[in-house]
């Protein structure tokens, strides 16, 4: 009887470890991959904004009329982006509760970009992650 209780306790402990440590790490890996996909999806509109801003000599209005189609990914769900008139690009993924903000700044006639995302732990280093 005592051996059976020890086996049951061991199985319960193993289940607790799996739920507490393994599953969150798997979810974290998915969020990191989704964040990388969000950052990569902002590349095409970044090029469009940069071209318009460098031509005009100003970021104001550089994002006007730039549309980015949402992307559906089997693992991450829907990835969405919006380009604001000032060239800032916002991206988000509801399934993994992540979002990014990529903002332009004109320096010496060239556009420099700053990327920040939330949650920070899910972001690649290029977007403020660790």
Protein backbone atom coordinates (compact mmCIF):
# COMPACT_ATOMS: atom_id res chain seq x y z
CA UNK A 1 0.00 0.00 0.00
CA UNK A 2 2.79 2.36 0.95
CA UNK A 3 4.64 1.69 -2.31
CA UNK A 4 1.49 2.43 -4.31
CA UNK A 5 1.09 5.79 -2.52
CA UNK A 6 4.72 6.65 -3.25
CA UNK A 7 4.20 5.83 -6.94
CA UNK A 8 1.08 7.99 -7.07
CA UNK A 9 2.88 10.85 -5.32
CA UNK A 10 5.77 10.53 -7.79
CA UNK A 11 3.39 10.66 -10.74
CA UNK A 12 1.63 13.68 -9.29
CA UNK A 13 4.98 15.42 -8.82
CA UNK A 14 5.99 14.64 -12.41
CA UNK A 15 2.66 16.05 -13.65
CA UNK A 16 3.16 19.19 -11.59
CA UNK A 17 6.65 19.70 -13.02
CA UNK A 18 5.34 19.26 -16.57
CA UNK A 19 2.54 21.77 -16.05
CA UNK A 20 4.65 24.27 -14.13
CA UNK A 21 7.83 24.31 -16.18
CA UNK A 22 7.61 22.51 -19.52
CA UNK A 23 4.31 23.88 -20.85
CA UNK A 24 5.10 27.58 -20.15
CA UNK A 25 8.47 27.19 -21.88
CA UNK A 26 6.74 25.72 -24.92
CA UNK A 27 4.27 28.64 -24.97
CA UNK A 28 7.17 31.07 -24.56
CA UNK A 29 8.92 29.56 -27.56
CA UNK A 30 5.79 30.03 -29.69
CA UNK A 31 5.52 33.66 -28.58
CA UNK A 32 9.18 34.27 -29.47
CA UNK A 33 8.68 32.77 -32.92
CA UNK A 34 5.51 34.84 -33.42
CA UNK A 35 7.36 38.00 -32.35
CA UNK A 36 10.10 37.27 -34.87
CA UNK A 37 7.44 36.83 -37.56
CA UNK A 38 5.86 40.17 -36.58
CA UNK A 39 9.21 41.94 -36.86
CA UNK A 40 9.93 40.28 -40.22
CA UNK A 41 6.47 41.24 -41.50
CA UNK A 42 7.26 44.91 -40.84
CA UNK A 43 10.21 44.90 -43.27
CA UNK A 44 8.26 45.62 -46.47
CA UNK A 45 6.33 48.60 -45.04
CA UNK A 46 9.58 49.88 -43.45
CA UNK A 47 11.12 50.05 -46.92
CA UNK A 48 8.09 51.89 -48.30
CA UNK A 49 8.08 54.39 -45.42
CA UNK A 50 11.84 54.94 -45.71
CA UNK A 51 11.61 55.62 -49.45
CA UNK A 52 8.77 58.13 -48.98
CA UNK A 53 10.44 59.87 -46.01
CA UNK A 54 13.82 60.14 -47.68
CA UNK A 55 12.22 61.53 -50.84
CA UNK A 56 10.16 64.10 -48.91
CA UNK A 57 12.83 64.86 -46.33
CA UNK A 58 10.29 64.29 -43.55
CA UNK A 59 8.57 61.31 -41.90
CA UNK A 60 5.24 63.15 -41.60
CA UNK A 61 2.92 61.65 -44.19
CA UNK A 62 5.44 58.93 -45.12
CA UNK A 63 3.04 56.20 -43.98
CA UNK A 64 -0.05 57.59 -45.69
CA UNK A 65 -1.71 55.09 -48.00
CA UNK A 66 0.56 52.19 -47.00
CA UNK A 67 -1.53 49.12 -46.27
CA UNK A 68 -0.26 45.82 -44.92
CA UNK A 69 -2.35 42.69 -45.32
CA UNK A 70 -2.85 40.51 -42.26
CA UNK A 71 -1.10 37.17 -42.34
CA UNK A 72 -2.56 33.91 -41.09
CA UNK A 73 -0.09 31.42 -39.71
CA UNK A 74 -1.12 27.89 -38.67
CA UNK A 75 1.02 27.98 -35.52
CA UNK A 76 0.73 31.64 -34.44
CA UNK A 77 -2.73 32.58 -35.67
CA UNK A 78 -3.31 35.96 -37.29
CA UNK A 79 -0.50 38.52 -37.49
CA UNK A 80 -1.60 42.11 -38.16
CA UNK A 81 0.15 45.39 -38.92
CA UNK A 82 -0.96 48.97 -39.40
CA UNK A 83 1.10 51.87 -40.73
CA UNK A 84 0.35 55.28 -39.27
CA UNK A 85 0.64 58.51 -41.26
CA UNK A 86 3.89 59.40 -39.44
CA UNK A 87 5.45 56.12 -40.64
CA UNK A 88 5.18 54.25 -37.35
CA UNK A 89 4.31 50.59 -37.80
CA UNK A 90 2.30 48.71 -35.19
CA UNK A 91 2.06 44.94 -35.24
CA UNK A 92 0.22 42.49 -33.02
CA UNK A 93 -0.71 38.87 -32.54
CA UNK A 94 -3.69 38.22 -30.29
CA UNK A 95 -3.12 34.47 -29.89
CA UNK A 96 0.26 35.03 -28.19
CA UNK A 97 -0.64 38.45 -26.69
CA UNK A 98 2.33 40.20 -28.28
CA UNK A 99 2.74 43.54 -29.99
CA UNK A 100 5.48 45.61 -31.58
CA UNK A 101 5.98 49.27 -32.41
CA UNK A 102 8.53 50.27 -35.06
CA UNK A 103 9.11 54.02 -35.30
CA UNK A 104 11.09 55.95 -37.91
CA UNK A 105 13.36 58.93 -37.40
CA UNK A 106 15.02 60.86 -40.21
CA UNK A 107 18.73 61.40 -39.49
CA UNK A 108 21.02 62.93 -42.08
CA UNK A 109 18.60 62.21 -44.90
CA UNK A 110 18.29 58.50 -43.99
CA UNK A 111 15.64 56.77 -41.91
CA UNK A 112 16.70 55.08 -38.67
CA UNK A 113 14.30 52.70 -36.98
CA UNK A 114 13.57 51.96 -33.32
CA UNK A 115 11.68 48.78 -32.45
CA UNK A 116 10.08 47.97 -29.11
CA UNK A 117 7.77 45.12 -28.22
CA UNK A 118 5.70 43.65 -25.44
CA UNK A 119 6.16 41.40 -23.60
CA UNK A 120 9.87 42.09 -23.59
CA UNK A 121 10.77 38.45 -22.86
CA UNK A 122 9.19 37.36 -26.17
CA UNK A 123 10.92 39.94 -28.34
CA UNK A 124 14.04 39.35 -30.43
CA UNK A 125 17.09 41.45 -29.55
CA UNK A 126 16.42 43.66 -32.60
CA UNK A 127 13.16 44.75 -30.97
CA UNK A 128 14.22 45.37 -27.39
CA UNK A 129 14.24 41.76 -26.24
CA UNK A 130 16.91 39.94 -24.31
